[in-house]
Amino acid sequence: MERKSDELKFHRKKNILKLFIAIYVFSGIIAATHVYSATSSIPETYAIRREVTHIMTAPNTVVDNQRAIVKDCFLTGKKVQFQVVFDRGFYYFIFINERSSLSQRNQFPMVSAGTYVIRRDATTNVVCQIKIFLNNDPNTFVRINSHREGSSLEFSLFNSMIYKNVLMPISVDRLMTEPFETIIKMSDYIVNWDILYSFYNETENRFAMNIAKAIDEKLHTLNDSDDGAQEWNRDFVFIRNGEPNPQNGFNCSGFVKWVTDGIFSVKTGKLMEISKLKKKHLLDRKDTLAVAFEDERDPFFGLDWTRNIAMTIFELNTGKEAKMSDVDVKEYPYETYIDELGYSVSNLTAILYYLAATNPGHIYLGSVNGDFGRNPVLRQHYHVVVFAPYICPEGNFYPLVYERNIKRPINEFVRRYPREFIHLVRIKVDDAFTLSDIPPVARE
């Protein structure tokens, strides 16, 4: 799940690092003329941090009396709040960027892009750690700790530690007044910073956002029904046998079909055929025990159902015969993809962020799988769900989750399936999307 730097390799390259440090010293001179980029997702505060260095290095008696102050930052054209907090033997020097809107000004949210939290030991007066928030999520940050060779970096992406022990040949106390760009330059030999600085595509993100809005508008009209779905002609039926379903409702599989029929029906005038979505991919099965219970338990139903939906829409959009490799999500680099299982649900938020940042304009279908049933216990795909992740122009990430006729916060979803896996398939989206109206249930 995590990438680690190779400390032995690091020692072998000491001569290279000496040159690296020399380049760093020179780049520090250039940094004094650094111009803030409005497209950067991390607002720079190094000018303010340099202004108050005398406070961060002052004796404890001086630091104890320091009040919060607000300074203008010429780098961003906004204000930065500087405050000192003492807690359990450490001083914390905190730099928070202003977040303002037409309705509110002088807002300084602690958890926001570019917030620096610098920790100094009150006993030794040594600056030993820097923590930098990267967006509005408290579990997305870079943390830099002291190391015998300089410092080491770890990178948490939505509570997934994607990098750890990344060595940098510069001490923490020197980094505390450097631009964030210096951290990038010192660590990009391992860290892929493109996940934060990827090109923002407003159009592609808007497609996913609009689909989410359309689902939100009609969620309250949906009826719940075990094994319920709509057939190609819009009749409500039971998935297992195709018989009429008087409840006019959906289970999780029927709900996922209803959402994706919003893409399919615009171009075809009808909905997808249930019989085609139930097709079993028996030749591709890896779990031989589960295969023995195909007829009795149907343990791969959710995997087949989501893959078949995604492949059906892929063929509609491209005119090409689809393969599973065309729709399966396998490219997340910080966890190993496992055939038929996918990825850990515990890392789901980070995975969806990576997908939205690197390949926007998709929604995703997920098949939750884990140990299920008795005599025997099988790895079974027992639940399916829709994800509509997108990033807004301000950089905030919205990993929207829809399952069985409801919208659920992703943190709650992860807590419900903490030890499960989720297999993901992708579906390209655009403006062509219309959800079917659901007729009310006839009351006797």
Protein backbone atom coordinates (compact mmCIF):
# COMPACT_ATOMS: atom_id res chain seq x y z
CA MET A 1 0.00 0.00 0.00
CA GLU A 2 2.89 2.38 0.49
CA ARG A 3 6.03 3.32 -1.41
CA LYS A 4 9.24 3.58 0.61
CA SER A 5 12.56 5.11 -0.26
CA ASP A 6 15.53 2.78 -0.14
CA GLU A 7 17.84 4.01 2.60
CA LEU A 8 20.79 1.92 1.36
CA LYS A 9 20.38 3.39 -2.06
CA PHE A 10 20.26 6.81 -0.48
CA HIS A 11 23.65 6.29 1.19
CA ARG A 12 25.21 5.05 -2.03
CA LYS A 13 24.24 8.29 -3.73
CA LYS A 14 25.88 10.66 -1.23
CA ASN A 15 28.05 12.24 -3.90
CA ILE A 16 25.01 12.93 -6.03
CA LEU A 17 23.23 14.36 -3.01
CA LYS A 18 26.09 16.77 -2.36
CA LEU A 19 25.46 18.19 -5.80
CA PHE A 20 21.74 18.10 -5.07
CA ILE A 21 22.28 20.20 -1.93
CA ALA A 22 24.37 22.70 -3.87
CA ILE A 23 21.57 23.06 -6.38
CA TYR A 24 19.17 23.50 -3.46
CA VAL A 25 21.24 26.37 -2.02
CA PHE A 26 21.20 28.09 -5.39
CA SER A 27 17.46 27.50 -5.80
CA GLY A 28 16.94 29.10 -2.38
CA ILE A 29 18.30 32.34 -3.81
CA ILE A 30 15.93 32.10 -6.75
CA ALA A 31 13.03 31.33 -4.40
CA ALA A 32 13.23 34.85 -3.01
CA THR A 33 11.81 36.05 -6.33
CA HIS A 34 9.28 33.23 -6.63
CA VAL A 35 5.91 34.41 -7.96
CA TYR A 36 2.79 32.71 -6.66
CA SER A 37 0.86 30.84 -9.34
CA ALA A 38 -2.92 31.25 -9.21
CA THR A 39 -3.28 27.77 -10.66
CA SER A 40 -1.35 26.14 -7.82
CA SER A 41 -3.50 24.19 -5.40
CA ILE A 42 -1.16 24.98 -2.46
CA PRO A 43 -1.10 28.73 -1.60
CA GLU A 44 2.43 29.77 -0.60
CA THR A 45 3.09 31.35 2.82
CA TYR A 46 6.88 31.29 3.00
CA ALA A 47 7.10 35.10 2.97
CA ILE A 48 5.07 35.28 6.18
CA ARG A 49 6.96 32.38 7.72
CA ARG A 50 10.20 34.24 7.10
CA GLU A 51 8.76 37.42 8.61
CA VAL A 52 8.05 35.69 11.92
CA THR A 53 11.17 33.52 12.11
CA HIS A 54 12.34 35.62 15.05
CA ILE A 55 9.23 34.51 16.96
CA MET A 56 9.61 30.82 16.07
CA THR A 57 13.21 30.88 17.30
CA ALA A 58 12.61 33.09 20.34
CA PRO A 59 12.93 31.91 23.97
CA ASN A 60 9.92 30.21 25.51
CA THR A 61 9.10 33.25 27.63
CA VAL A 62 8.67 35.32 24.47
CA VAL A 63 6.69 32.65 22.62
CA ASP A 64 4.33 32.22 25.59
CA ASN A 65 3.15 35.82 25.20
CA GLN A 66 2.66 35.73 21.44
CA ARG A 67 -0.87 36.57 20.33
CA ALA A 68 -2.46 35.62 17.03
CA ILE A 69 -1.74 38.09 14.23
CA VAL A 70 -2.95 38.50 10.66
CA LYS A 71 -0.58 39.58 7.91
CA ASP A 72 -0.98 40.43 4.24
CA CYS A 73 0.76 37.95 1.94
CA PHE A 74 2.05 39.53 -1.26
CA LEU A 75 2.50 36.07 -2.77
CA THR A 76 -1.23 35.37 -2.91
CA GLY A 77 -2.88 38.75 -2.37
CA LYS A 78 -4.66 37.28 0.65
CA LYS A 79 -4.17 37.37 4.39
CA VAL A 80 -2.42 34.76 6.53
CA GLN A 81 -3.19 34.17 10.20
CA PHE A 82 -0.25 33.26 12.41
CA GLN A 83 -0.87 31.79 15.85
CA VAL A 84 1.01 29.87 18.52
CA VAL A 85 -0.44 26.93 20.44
CA PHE A 86 1.27 25.09 23.32
CA ASP A 87 0.28 21.48 23.93
CA ARG A 88 1.95 18.68 25.90
CA GLY A 89 5.49 19.97 25.76
CA PHE A 90 5.46 21.35 22.23
CA TYR A 91 4.89 24.73 20.64
CA TYR A 92 2.93 24.72 17.40
CA PHE A 93 3.41 27.63 15.00
CA ILE A 94 0.39 27.68 12.71
CA PHE A 95 -0.02 29.56 9.41
CA ILE A 96 -3.53 29.58 7.92
CA ASN A 97 -4.50 31.08 4.57
CA GLU A 98 -7.55 33.28 4.33
CA ARG A 99 -10.54 31.80 2.58
CA SER A 100 -13.00 34.43 1.48
CA SER A 101 -16.09 34.62 -0.68
CA LEU A 102 -18.55 37.33 -1.70
CA SER A 103 -20.55 36.69 1.46
CA GLN A 104 -17.75 36.02 3.96
CA ARG A 105 -14.27 37.42 4.45
CA ASN A 106 -11.49 36.85 6.93
CA GLN A 107 -12.25 33.15 7.32
CA PHE A 108 -9.24 31.12 8.45
CA PRO A 109 -10.10 27.40 8.41
CA MET A 110 -7.35 25.32 9.98
CA VAL A 111 -7.88 22.40 7.60
CA SER A 112 -7.37 24.01 4.21
CA ALA A 113 -4.81 23.95 1.43
CA GLY A 114 -1.47 25.40 2.47
CA THR A 115 -1.91 25.44 6.25
CA TYR A 116 1.49 24.94 7.89
CA VAL A 117 1.80 23.52 11.41
CA ILE A 118 5.41 23.72 12.63
CA ARG A 119 6.23 21.88 15.87
CA ARG A 120 9.03 22.91 18.24
CA ASP A 121 10.11 20.98 21.33
CA ALA A 122 9.67 23.27 24.35
CA THR A 123 12.54 21.57 26.20
CA THR A 124 15.22 21.48 23.52
CA ASN A 125 13.84 24.32 21.32
CA VAL A 126 14.43 22.06 18.30
CA VAL A 127 12.00 22.30 15.38
CA CYS A 128 11.22 18.64 14.82
CA GLN A 129 8.17 18.42 12.54
CA ILE A 130 6.20 20.25 9.86
CA LYS A 131 2.70 19.27 8.82
CA ILE A 132 1.09 20.81 5.73
CA PHE A 133 -2.56 20.34 4.85
CA LEU A 134 -3.12 19.88 1.11
CA ASN A 135 -6.86 20.47 0.83
CA ASN A 136 -9.97 20.62 3.02
CA ASP A 137 -9.63 17.04 4.24
CA PRO A 138 -7.96 16.56 7.66
CA ASN A 139 -6.43 13.25 6.54
CA THR A 140 -4.73 14.65 3.43
CA PHE A 141 -1.38 16.15 4.34
CA VAL A 142 2.37 16.02 4.06
CA ARG A 143 4.31 15.53 7.28
CA ILE A 144 8.07 16.06 7.53
CA ASN A 145 10.07 14.69 10.45
CA SER A 146 13.69 15.03 11.50
CA HIS A 147 16.06 12.37 10.18
CA ARG A 148 19.78 11.77 10.63
CA GLU A 149 20.35 12.53 6.94
CA GLY A 150 18.19 15.66 6.98
CA SER A 151 14.47 14.96 7.03
CA SER A 152 11.93 12.38 5.93
CA LEU A 153 8.54 12.88 4.34
CA GLU A 154 5.29 10.97 4.54
CA PHE A 155 2.21 11.68 2.45
CA SER A 156 -1.32 10.82 3.59
CA LEU A 157 -4.02 10.95 0.91
CA PHE A 158 -7.50 10.76 2.45
CA ASN A 159 -6.18 8.64 5.32
CA SER A 160 -4.16 6.37 3.02
CA MET A 161 -0.41 6.66 3.64
CA ILE A 162 0.71 6.51 0.03
CA TYR A 163 4.34 7.52 0.68
CA LYS A 164 6.49 6.93 3.74
CA ASN A 165 10.15 7.46 4.68
CA VAL A 166 10.95 9.64 1.66
CA LEU A 167 14.40 11.01 2.53
CA MET A 168 15.35 14.63 1.82
CA PRO A 169 18.83 16.15 2.34
CA ILE A 170 17.65 19.23 4.23
CA SER A 171 16.77 19.72 7.88
CA VAL A 172 13.31 20.49 9.19
CA ASP A 173 14.36 23.83 10.68
CA ARG A 174 15.56 24.98 7.25
CA LEU A 175 12.43 23.75 5.52
CA MET A 176 10.17 25.74 7.84
CA THR A 177 10.88 28.96 5.91
CA GLU A 178 11.20 27.46 2.43
CA PRO A 179 8.52 27.49 -0.30
CA PHE A 180 6.40 24.36 -0.60
CA GLU A 181 7.98 24.04 -4.02
CA THR A 182 11.26 23.17 -2.31
CA ILE A 183 9.62 20.13 -0.72
CA ILE A 184 8.36 19.08 -4.14
CA LYS A 185 11.80 19.39 -5.72
CA MET A 186 13.45 17.47 -2.89
CA SER A 187 11.01 14.55 -3.05
CA ASP A 188 9.87 14.23 -6.66
CA TYR A 189 12.45 11.50 -7.25
CA ILE A 190 9.83 9.29 -5.59
CA VAL A 191 6.63 11.29 -4.97
CA ASN A 192 4.22 11.77 -7.85
CA TRP A 193 3.02 15.32 -7.17
CA ASP A 194 0.84 15.28 -10.30
CA ILE A 195 -2.01 13.92 -8.17
CA LEU A 196 -2.17 17.38 -6.58
CA TYR A 197 -1.08 19.51 -9.52
CA SER A 198 -2.86 17.74 -12.36
CA PHE A 199 -4.52 19.89 -15.00
CA TYR A 200 -8.02 20.80 -13.87
CA ASN A 201 -10.63 19.95 -16.52
CA GLU A 202 -13.77 21.87 -15.62
CA THR A 203 -15.86 20.30 -18.40
CA GLU A 204 -15.10 16.71 -17.45
CA ASN A 205 -15.68 17.37 -13.75
CA ARG A 206 -18.96 19.11 -14.57
CA PHE A 207 -20.25 15.98 -16.33
CA ALA A 208 -19.88 13.89 -13.17
CA MET A 209 -21.28 16.71 -11.03
CA ASN A 210 -24.35 17.07 -13.25
CA ILE A 211 -25.08 13.34 -13.08
CA ALA A 212 -24.89 13.54 -9.29
CA LYS A 213 -27.33 16.46 -9.28
CA ALA A 214 -29.75 14.57 -11.52
CA ILE A 215 -29.66 11.56 -9.19
CA ASP A 216 -30.20 13.81 -6.16
CA GLU A 217 -33.31 15.32 -7.71
CA LYS A 218 -35.03 11.95 -8.18
CA LEU A 219 -33.81 9.88 -5.23
CA HIS A 220 -36.92 10.71 -3.21
CA THR A 221 -39.14 9.24 -5.94
CA LEU A 222 -37.59 5.76 -5.84
CA ASN A 223 -39.16 2.71 -4.28
CA ASP A 224 -37.23 -0.05 -2.57
CA SER A 225 -37.78 -3.66 -3.58
CA ASP A 226 -35.70 -6.78 -3.10
CA ASP A 227 -34.49 -8.12 -6.45
CA GLY A 228 -36.22 -5.24 -8.26
CA ALA A 229 -35.14 -3.65 -11.56
CA GLN A 230 -36.50 -2.21 -14.82
CA GLU A 231 -36.45 -4.30 -17.99
CA TRP A 232 -35.46 -2.93 -21.39
CA ASN A 233 -39.09 -1.85 -22.07
CA ARG A 234 -39.27 0.00 -18.69
CA ASP A 235 -41.43 -2.67 -17.01
CA PHE A 236 -40.61 -3.33 -13.37
CA VAL A 237 -39.59 -6.94 -12.88
CA PHE A 238 -37.74 -9.26 -10.53
CA ILE A 239 -34.17 -9.86 -11.67
CA ARG A 240 -34.13 -13.56 -10.82
CA ASN A 241 -37.00 -14.58 -13.13
CA GLY A 242 -38.28 -11.55 -15.06
CA GLU A 243 -41.74 -11.71 -13.52
CA PRO A 244 -43.64 -8.43 -12.94
CA ASN A 245 -42.77 -6.55 -9.77
CA PRO A 246 -45.82 -4.66 -8.45
CA GLN A 247 -43.64 -2.62 -6.06
CA ASN A 248 -42.06 -0.63 -8.92
CA GLY A 249 -38.81 -0.58 -6.99
CA PHE A 250 -35.10 -1.33 -7.00
CA ASN A 251 -32.60 -3.26 -4.99
CA CYS A 252 -28.92 -2.23 -5.23
CA SER A 253 -28.49 -3.93 -8.64
CA GLY A 254 -31.65 -2.39 -10.01
CA PHE A 255 -30.63 1.03 -8.73
CA VAL A 256 -27.21 0.84 -10.43
CA LYS A 257 -28.99 -0.14 -13.65
CA TRP A 258 -31.43 2.78 -13.31
CA VAL A 259 -28.53 5.25 -13.04
CA THR A 260 -26.59 3.84 -15.97
CA ASP A 261 -29.75 3.48 -18.07
CA GLY A 262 -29.69 7.28 -17.91
CA ILE A 263 -26.69 7.08 -20.25
CA PHE A 264 -27.84 4.13 -22.36
CA SER A 265 -31.42 5.25 -22.99
CA VAL A 266 -30.49 8.69 -24.37
CA LYS A 267 -28.78 7.04 -27.32
CA THR A 268 -30.98 3.99 -27.82
CA GLY A 269 -34.48 4.95 -26.67
CA LYS A 270 -34.68 1.88 -24.44
CA LEU A 271 -33.10 0.46 -21.32
CA MET A 272 -30.51 -2.30 -21.06
CA GLU A 273 -31.68 -5.91 -21.19
CA ILE A 274 -31.45 -7.68 -17.86
CA SER A 275 -30.60 -11.04 -19.42
CA LYS A 276 -27.45 -9.57 -21.00
CA LEU A 277 -26.38 -7.98 -17.72
CA LYS A 278 -26.67 -11.35 -15.92
CA LYS A 279 -24.17 -13.01 -18.29
CA LYS A 280 -21.60 -15.03 -16.32
CA HIS A 281 -17.91 -14.81 -17.23
CA LEU A 282 -17.13 -18.37 -16.19
CA LEU A 283 -13.92 -18.75 -18.17
CA ASP A 284 -12.37 -15.82 -16.32
CA ARG A 285 -13.05 -17.09 -12.82
CA LYS A 286 -10.01 -17.42 -10.54
CA ASP A 287 -11.71 -18.60 -7.32
CA THR A 288 -12.25 -22.31 -7.95
CA LEU A 289 -14.13 -22.90 -4.68
CA ALA A 290 -16.64 -20.20 -5.50
CA VAL A 291 -17.06 -21.58 -9.04
CA ALA A 292 -18.27 -24.82 -7.53
CA PHE A 293 -21.21 -22.91 -6.03
CA GLU A 294 -22.11 -20.80 -9.08
CA ASP A 295 -25.62 -22.21 -9.41
CA GLU A 296 -26.36 -22.43 -5.70
CA ARG A 297 -24.92 -19.11 -4.48
CA ASP A 298 -24.11 -16.99 -7.58
CA PRO A 299 -21.10 -15.51 -5.72
CA PHE A 300 -19.93 -13.34 -8.63
CA PHE A 301 -23.26 -11.74 -9.48
CA GLY A 302 -22.23 -8.20 -8.48
CA LEU A 303 -18.95 -8.43 -10.40
CA ASP A 304 -20.63 -9.74 -13.56
CA TRP A 305 -23.47 -7.21 -13.30
CA THR A 306 -21.23 -4.13 -13.00
CA ARG A 307 -18.79 -5.32 -15.64
CA ASN A 308 -21.58 -6.11 -18.10
CA ILE A 309 -23.16 -2.67 -17.60
CA ALA A 310 -19.83 -0.92 -18.14
CA MET A 311 -18.97 -3.02 -21.21
CA THR A 312 -22.43 -2.44 -22.71
CA ILE A 313 -21.99 1.34 -22.47
CA PHE A 314 -18.38 1.13 -23.67
CA GLU A 315 -19.56 -0.65 -26.83
CA LEU A 316 -22.34 1.91 -27.28
CA ASN A 317 -19.88 4.82 -27.04
CA THR A 318 -17.04 3.36 -29.11
CA GLY A 319 -18.63 0.89 -31.51
CA LYS A 320 -15.97 -1.63 -30.48
CA GLU A 321 -16.38 -5.00 -28.84
CA ALA A 322 -15.60 -4.52 -25.16
CA LYS A 323 -13.21 -6.53 -23.05
CA MET A 324 -13.09 -6.51 -19.27
CA SER A 325 -9.73 -4.75 -19.47
CA ASP A 326 -11.51 -1.81 -21.15
CA VAL A 327 -13.57 -1.09 -18.05
CA ASP A 328 -11.79 -2.58 -15.02
CA VAL A 329 -9.97 -0.04 -12.81
CA LYS A 330 -6.45 -1.36 -12.27
CA GLU A 331 -4.18 1.68 -12.44
CA TYR A 332 -4.19 2.94 -8.84
CA PRO A 333 -0.44 2.86 -8.09
CA TYR A 334 -0.48 2.76 -4.27
CA GLU A 335 -2.17 -0.60 -3.76
CA THR A 336 -1.94 -3.85 -5.68
CA TYR A 337 -5.04 -4.70 -7.70
CA ILE A 338 -6.26 -8.22 -6.96
CA ASP A 339 -8.16 -10.14 -9.65
CA GLU A 340 -11.88 -10.49 -8.88
CA LEU A 341 -11.47 -8.50 -5.63
CA GLY A 342 -10.18 -5.07 -6.66
CA TYR A 343 -8.96 -2.83 -3.84
CA SER A 344 -9.47 -2.39 -0.11
CA VAL A 345 -12.58 -0.41 0.82
CA SER A 346 -10.45 1.29 3.49
CA ASN A 347 -8.51 3.08 0.71
CA LEU A 348 -11.57 3.93 -1.37
CA THR A 349 -11.56 7.71 -0.87
CA ALA A 350 -7.94 7.99 -1.97
CA ILE A 351 -8.61 5.75 -4.97
CA LEU A 352 -11.57 7.83 -6.12
CA TYR A 353 -9.58 11.04 -5.68
CA TYR A 354 -6.73 9.64 -7.77
CA LEU A 355 -9.17 8.64 -10.51
CA ALA A 356 -10.92 12.02 -10.50
CA ALA A 357 -7.60 13.89 -10.58
CA THR A 358 -5.92 11.82 -13.29
CA ASN A 359 -8.88 10.83 -15.47
CA PRO A 360 -11.94 13.01 -14.80
CA GLY A 361 -15.31 12.68 -16.49
CA HIS A 362 -16.24 9.18 -15.32
CA ILE A 363 -18.60 7.56 -12.91
CA TYR A 364 -17.74 4.22 -11.34
CA LEU A 365 -19.65 1.11 -10.40
CA GLY A 366 -18.39 -0.82 -7.42
CA SER A 367 -18.96 -4.43 -6.41
CA VAL A 368 -18.42 -4.96 -2.68
CA ASN A 369 -17.04 -8.40 -1.89
CA GLY A 370 -16.01 -10.28 1.23
CA ASP A 371 -16.50 -13.47 3.18
CA PHE A 372 -20.19 -14.30 3.02
CA GLY A 373 -22.57 -17.08 4.06
CA ARG A 374 -21.91 -20.42 5.72
CA ASN A 375 -21.17 -24.03 4.75
CA PRO A 376 -18.97 -22.91 3.14
CA VAL A 377 -17.96 -19.27 3.66
CA LEU A 378 -17.25 -17.86 0.20
CA ARG A 379 -15.67 -14.71 -1.14
CA GLN A 380 -18.89 -13.27 -2.57
CA HIS A 381 -19.86 -10.10 -4.47
CA TYR A 382 -22.98 -9.26 -2.50
CA HIS A 383 -23.53 -5.52 -3.00
CA VAL A 384 -23.15 -2.96 -5.82
CA VAL A 385 -22.91 0.82 -5.69
CA VAL A 386 -22.48 3.95 -7.86
CA PHE A 387 -19.69 6.52 -7.35
CA ALA A 388 -19.72 9.98 -8.94
CA PRO A 389 -16.41 11.61 -7.89
CA TYR A 390 -15.47 15.10 -9.02
CA ILE A 391 -13.22 18.02 -8.07
CA CYS A 392 -14.61 21.55 -7.97
CA PRO A 393 -12.70 24.63 -9.26
CA GLU A 394 -11.62 25.50 -5.69
CA GLY A 395 -9.90 22.12 -5.41
CA ASN A 396 -12.37 20.50 -3.02
CA PHE A 397 -13.09 16.85 -3.71
CA TYR A 398 -16.58 15.31 -3.68
CA PRO A 399 -16.55 11.49 -3.67
CA LEU A 400 -20.32 10.99 -3.93
CA VAL A 401 -21.73 7.57 -3.10
CA TYR A 402 -25.14 6.22 -4.18
CA GLU A 403 -26.36 2.80 -3.12
CA ARG A 404 -29.79 1.22 -3.16
CA ASN A 405 -31.84 4.38 -3.60
CA ILE A 406 -29.92 6.51 -1.10
CA LYS A 407 -26.97 8.89 -0.98
CA ARG A 408 -24.44 7.93 1.67
CA PRO A 409 -21.39 9.86 2.98
CA ILE A 410 -18.25 8.08 1.87
CA ASN A 411 -16.84 7.94 5.41
CA GLU A 412 -19.96 6.10 6.50
CA PHE A 413 -19.69 3.75 3.53
CA VAL A 414 -16.08 2.91 4.42
CA ARG A 415 -17.05 2.30 8.06
CA ARG A 416 -19.77 -0.15 6.96
CA TYR A 417 -17.29 -2.30 5.00
CA PRO A 418 -13.95 -1.85 6.81
CA ARG A 419 -12.48 -5.25 5.90
CA GLU A 420 -14.10 -5.74 2.51
CA PHE A 421 -12.77 -5.25 -1.00
CA ILE A 422 -14.40 -3.33 -3.82
CA HIS A 423 -14.01 -3.98 -7.52
CA LEU A 424 -14.44 -0.87 -9.69
CA VAL A 425 -15.39 -0.40 -13.34
CA ARG A 426 -15.41 2.94 -15.15
CA ILE A 427 -18.05 4.54 -17.36
CA LYS A 428 -17.27 7.63 -19.47
CA VAL A 429 -19.93 10.32 -19.16
CA ASP A 430 -20.93 13.50 -20.95
CA ASP A 431 -23.94 15.79 -21.14
CA ALA A 432 -26.18 13.08 -22.62
CA PHE A 433 -27.90 11.81 -19.49
CA THR A 434 -31.58 11.50 -18.59
CA LEU A 435 -33.01 9.43 -15.74
CA SER A 436 -36.30 7.59 -16.10
CA ASP A 437 -39.26 8.84 -14.10
CA ILE A 438 -40.52 6.28 -11.62
CA PRO A 439 -44.30 5.83 -11.46
CA PRO A 440 -45.83 5.67 -7.97
CA VAL A 441 -46.82 2.30 -6.52
CA ALA A 442 -50.52 1.54 -6.91
CA ARG A 443 -52.23 1.50 -3.49
CA GLU A 444 -55.14 -0.80 -2.74
